[in-house]
């Protein structure tokens, strides 16, 4: 149980760290998952309640197990997204992404910023930190290689 809580916490950190840039939404699935998690955080309780009430009104007492299962499924979807983000944040980057991140890092170094080098064991959380720093500290003309 502690592992799931840790994954959810890491997913929330990754969600907050990931830069909100449209250019990255074309390349990575994270912006879509993050948007879905944020939408579900606002709407899932209402959808779950409505689902339960509709099932109960339509099927009566016999539909309570089905209504409860449907409501729990809807409520769990946000946490499924956060768990996915937590797992993704720990995944090791491919060599192509490490090379791409090194190019981004080089642009930052050329702009006079100190950025730690990307190691062969870098993970998606490291890339999110690098991209977040690049978008927040460099000018708006930051060029994605």
C-alpha atoms as a PDB file:
ATOM      1  CA  UNK A   1       0.000   0.000   0.000  1.00  0.00           C
ATOM      2  CA  UNK A   2       2.887   2.350   0.765  1.00  0.00           C
ATOM      3  CA  UNK A   3       4.258   1.769  -2.736  1.00  0.00           C
ATOM      4  CA  UNK A   4       1.024   2.942  -4.330  1.00  0.00           C
ATOM      5  CA  UNK A   5       0.950   6.045  -2.132  1.00  0.00           C
ATOM      6  CA  UNK A   6       4.556   6.766  -3.102  1.00  0.00           C
ATOM      7  CA  UNK A   7       3.711   6.355  -6.797  1.00  0.00           C
ATOM      8  CA  UNK A   8       0.745   8.719  -6.444  1.00  0.00           C
ATOM      9  CA  UNK A   9       2.941  11.298  -4.687  1.00  0.00           C
ATOM     10  CA  UNK A  10       5.622  10.980  -7.372  1.00  0.00           C
ATOM     11  CA  UNK A  11       2.921  11.302 -10.033  1.00  0.00           C
ATOM     12  CA  UNK A  12       1.708  14.538  -8.435  1.00  0.00           C
ATOM     13  CA  UNK A  13       5.265  15.906  -8.303  1.00  0.00           C
ATOM     14  CA  UNK A  14       5.821  14.948 -11.941  1.00  0.00           C
ATOM     15  CA  UNK A  15       2.480  16.502 -12.884  1.00  0.00           C
ATOM     16  CA  UNK A  16       3.423  19.802 -11.224  1.00  0.00           C
ATOM     17  CA  UNK A  17       6.946  19.781 -12.676  1.00  0.00           C
ATOM     18  CA  UNK A  18       6.031  18.993 -16.292  1.00  0.00           C
ATOM     19  CA  UNK A  19       6.042  22.226 -18.371  1.00  0.00           C
ATOM     20  CA  UNK A  20       2.693  23.276 -19.802  1.00  0.00           C
ATOM     21  CA  UNK A  21       3.833  23.799 -23.400  1.00  0.00           C
ATOM     22  CA  UNK A  22       1.834  22.901 -26.497  1.00  0.00           C
ATOM     23  CA  UNK A  23       5.001  21.937 -28.386  1.00  0.00           C
ATOM     24  CA  UNK A  24       5.619  19.108 -25.902  1.00  0.00           C
ATOM     25  CA  UNK A  25       2.046  17.798 -26.223  1.00  0.00           C
ATOM     26  CA  UNK A  26       2.818  16.672 -29.760  1.00  0.00           C
ATOM     27  CA  UNK A  27       5.863  14.674 -28.673  1.00  0.00           C
ATOM     28  CA  UNK A  28       4.933  13.227 -25.262  1.00  0.00           C
ATOM     29  CA  UNK A  29       1.717  11.733 -23.810  1.00  0.00           C
ATOM     30  CA  UNK A  30       2.222  13.422 -20.421  1.00  0.00           C
ATOM     31  CA  UNK A  31       0.250  16.618 -21.179  1.00  0.00           C
ATOM     32  CA  UNK A  32      -2.808  14.569 -22.130  1.00  0.00           C
ATOM     33  CA  UNK A  33      -2.599  12.416 -18.996  1.00  0.00           C
ATOM     34  CA  UNK A  34      -2.026  15.495 -16.820  1.00  0.00           C
ATOM     35  CA  UNK A  35      -5.009  17.285 -18.360  1.00  0.00           C
ATOM     36  CA  UNK A  36      -7.162  14.208 -17.832  1.00  0.00           C
ATOM     37  CA  UNK A  37      -6.076  13.896 -14.181  1.00  0.00           C
ATOM     38  CA  UNK A  38      -6.842  17.555 -13.542  1.00  0.00           C
ATOM     39  CA  UNK A  39     -10.240  17.248 -15.213  1.00  0.00           C
ATOM     40  CA  UNK A  40     -11.069  14.100 -13.254  1.00  0.00           C
ATOM     41  CA  UNK A  41     -10.035  15.756 -10.007  1.00  0.00           C
ATOM     42  CA  UNK A  42     -12.813  18.293 -10.548  1.00  0.00           C
ATOM     43  CA  UNK A  43     -15.481  16.137 -12.149  1.00  0.00           C
ATOM     44  CA  UNK A  44     -15.037  12.512 -11.002  1.00  0.00           C
ATOM     45  CA  UNK A  45     -16.884  12.876  -7.652  1.00  0.00           C
ATOM     46  CA  UNK A  46     -19.907  14.387  -9.386  1.00  0.00           C
ATOM     47  CA  UNK A  47     -19.876  11.770 -12.162  1.00  0.00           C
ATOM     48  CA  UNK A  48     -19.562   8.961  -9.608  1.00  0.00           C
ATOM     49  CA  UNK A  49     -22.510  10.272  -7.570  1.00  0.00           C
ATOM     50  CA  UNK A  50     -24.643  10.765 -10.652  1.00  0.00           C
ATOM     51  CA  UNK A  51     -23.761   7.290 -11.889  1.00  0.00           C
ATOM     52  CA  UNK A  52     -24.697   5.756  -8.552  1.00  0.00           C
ATOM     53  CA  UNK A  53     -28.013   7.613  -8.363  1.00  0.00           C
ATOM     54  CA  UNK A  54     -28.996   6.785 -11.939  1.00  0.00           C
ATOM     55  CA  UNK A  55     -28.157   3.099 -11.485  1.00  0.00           C
ATOM     56  CA  UNK A  56     -30.054   3.000  -8.214  1.00  0.00           C
ATOM     57  CA  UNK A  57     -33.116   4.747  -9.644  1.00  0.00           C
ATOM     58  CA  UNK A  58     -33.171   2.588 -12.757  1.00  0.00           C
ATOM     59  CA  UNK A  59     -32.348  -0.827 -11.226  1.00  0.00           C
ATOM     60  CA  UNK A  60     -33.432  -0.331  -7.597  1.00  0.00           C
ATOM     61  CA  UNK A  61     -31.812  -2.318  -4.795  1.00  0.00           C
ATOM     62  CA  UNK A  62     -30.635  -4.997  -7.226  1.00  0.00           C
ATOM     63  CA  UNK A  63     -28.427  -2.440  -9.005  1.00  0.00           C
ATOM     64  CA  UNK A  64     -26.522  -1.285  -5.925  1.00  0.00           C
ATOM     65  CA  UNK A  65     -23.486  -3.580  -6.468  1.00  0.00           C
ATOM     66  CA  UNK A  66     -23.213  -2.513 -10.109  1.00  0.00           C
ATOM     67  CA  UNK A  67     -23.713   1.153  -9.179  1.00  0.00           C
ATOM     68  CA  UNK A  68     -21.062   0.938  -6.481  1.00  0.00           C
ATOM     69  CA  UNK A  69     -18.598  -0.747  -8.852  1.00  0.00           C
ATOM     70  CA  UNK A  70     -19.187   1.890 -11.533  1.00  0.00           C
ATOM     71  CA  UNK A  71     -18.766   4.734  -9.045  1.00  0.00           C
ATOM     72  CA  UNK A  72     -15.540   3.271  -7.662  1.00  0.00           C
ATOM     73  CA  UNK A  73     -14.214   2.835 -11.194  1.00  0.00           C
ATOM     74  CA  UNK A  74     -14.886   6.483 -12.003  1.00  0.00           C
ATOM     75  CA  UNK A  75     -13.303   7.634  -8.718  1.00  0.00           C
ATOM     76  CA  UNK A  76     -10.210   5.495  -9.308  1.00  0.00           C
ATOM     77  CA  UNK A  77      -9.468   6.859 -12.790  1.00  0.00           C
ATOM     78  CA  UNK A  78      -7.683   9.950 -11.459  1.00  0.00           C
ATOM     79  CA  UNK A  79      -5.449   7.781  -9.291  1.00  0.00           C
ATOM     80  CA  UNK A  80      -4.733   5.453 -12.201  1.00  0.00           C
ATOM     81  CA  UNK A  81      -3.422   8.466 -14.132  1.00  0.00           C
ATOM     82  CA  UNK A  82      -1.291   9.593 -11.187  1.00  0.00           C
ATOM     83  CA  UNK A  83       0.123   6.089 -10.762  1.00  0.00           C
ATOM     84  CA  UNK A  84       0.986   6.028 -14.477  1.00  0.00           C
ATOM     85  CA  UNK A  85       2.724   9.410 -14.124  1.00  0.00           C
ATOM     86  CA  UNK A  86       4.601   8.134 -11.050  1.00  0.00           C
ATOM     87  CA  UNK A  87       5.797   5.065 -12.938  1.00  0.00           C
ATOM     88  CA  UNK A  88       6.708   7.151 -15.978  1.00  0.00           C
ATOM     89  CA  UNK A  89       8.724   9.609 -13.880  1.00  0.00           C
ATOM     90  CA  UNK A  90      11.022   6.782 -12.777  1.00  0.00           C
ATOM     91  CA  UNK A  91      11.549   5.252 -16.241  1.00  0.00           C
ATOM     92  CA  UNK A  92      15.007   5.595 -17.725  1.00  0.00           C
ATOM     93  CA  UNK A  93      15.223   7.778 -20.823  1.00  0.00           C
ATOM     94  CA  UNK A  94      16.103   6.257 -24.173  1.00  0.00           C
ATOM     95  CA  UNK A  95      19.436   7.200 -25.732  1.00  0.00           C
ATOM     96  CA  UNK A  96      17.641   9.405 -28.264  1.00  0.00           C
ATOM     97  CA  UNK A  97      15.924  11.381 -25.508  1.00  0.00           C
ATOM     98  CA  UNK A  98      19.173  11.661 -23.540  1.00  0.00           C
ATOM     99  CA  UNK A  99      20.834  13.092 -26.657  1.00  0.00           C
ATOM    100  CA  UNK A 100      17.917  15.497 -27.175  1.00  0.00           C
ATOM    101  CA  UNK A 101      18.088  16.590 -23.517  1.00  0.00           C
ATOM    102  CA  UNK A 102      21.835  17.114 -23.878  1.00  0.00           C
ATOM    103  CA  UNK A 103      21.136  19.456 -26.808  1.00  0.00           C
ATOM    104  CA  UNK A 104      18.619  21.383 -24.698  1.00  0.00           C
ATOM    105  CA  UNK A 105      21.136  21.474 -21.851  1.00  0.00           C
ATOM    106  CA  UNK A 106      23.777  22.823 -24.222  1.00  0.00           C
ATOM    107  CA  UNK A 107      21.455  25.666 -25.235  1.00  0.00           C
ATOM    108  CA  UNK A 108      21.002  26.489 -21.563  1.00  0.00           C
ATOM    109  CA  UNK A 109      24.752  26.411 -20.906  1.00  0.00           C
ATOM    110  CA  UNK A 110      25.310  28.669 -23.930  1.00  0.00           C
ATOM    111  CA  UNK A 111      22.825  31.090 -22.366  1.00  0.00           C
ATOM    112  CA  UNK A 112      24.972  31.203 -19.222  1.00  0.00           C
ATOM    113  CA  UNK A 113      23.001  28.873 -16.973  1.00  0.00           C
ATOM    114  CA  UNK A 114      24.452  26.054 -14.895  1.00  0.00           C
ATOM    115  CA  UNK A 115      22.650  22.788 -15.541  1.00  0.00           C
ATOM    116  CA  UNK A 116      23.771  19.372 -14.348  1.00  0.00           C
ATOM    117  CA  UNK A 117      24.729  17.005 -17.173  1.00  0.00           C
ATOM    118  CA  UNK A 118      22.374  14.266 -18.325  1.00  0.00           C
ATOM    119  CA  UNK A 119      23.659  10.863 -17.272  1.00  0.00           C
ATOM    120  CA  UNK A 120      22.924   7.594 -19.102  1.00  0.00           C
ATOM    121  CA  UNK A 121      20.641   6.674 -16.167  1.00  0.00           C
ATOM    122  CA  UNK A 122      18.574   9.874 -16.395  1.00  0.00           C
ATOM    123  CA  UNK A 123      14.838   9.421 -15.944  1.00  0.00           C
ATOM    124  CA  UNK A 124      11.757  11.270 -17.151  1.00  0.00           C
ATOM    125  CA  UNK A 125      11.659  13.300 -13.924  1.00  0.00           C
ATOM    126  CA  UNK A 126      15.142  14.648 -14.780  1.00  0.00           C
ATOM    127  CA  UNK A 127      13.943  15.530 -18.263  1.00  0.00           C
ATOM    128  CA  UNK A 128      10.864  17.268 -16.857  1.00  0.00           C
ATOM    129  CA  UNK A 129      13.084  19.329 -14.543  1.00  0.00           C
ATOM    130  CA  UNK A 130      15.380  20.257 -17.433  1.00  0.00           C
ATOM    131  CA  UNK A 131      12.496  21.254 -19.721  1.00  0.00           C
ATOM    132  CA  UNK A 132      10.764  23.174 -16.966  1.00  0.00           C
ATOM    133  CA  UNK A 133      13.959  25.124 -16.261  1.00  0.00           C
ATOM    134  CA  UNK A 134      14.519  25.712 -19.967  1.00  0.00           C
ATOM    135  CA  UNK A 135      11.045  27.118 -20.529  1.00  0.00           C
ATOM    136  CA  UNK A 136      10.981  29.217 -17.367  1.00  0.00           C
ATOM    137  CA  UNK A 137      14.524  30.636 -17.416  1.00  0.00           C
ATOM    138  CA  UNK A 138      15.274  31.050 -21.094  1.00  0.00           C
ATOM    139  CA  UNK A 139      13.580  33.639 -23.235  1.00  0.00           C
ATOM    140  CA  UNK A 140      10.421  32.905 -25.192  1.00  0.00           C
ATOM    141  CA  UNK A 141      12.505  32.108 -28.267  1.00  0.00           C
ATOM    142  CA  UNK A 142      13.765  28.896 -26.686  1.00  0.00           C
ATOM    143  CA  UNK A 143      14.381  26.538 -29.565  1.00  0.00           C
ATOM    144  CA  UNK A 144      13.490  22.875 -29.266  1.00  0.00           C
ATOM    145  CA  UNK A 145      16.067  20.912 -31.270  1.00  0.00           C
END
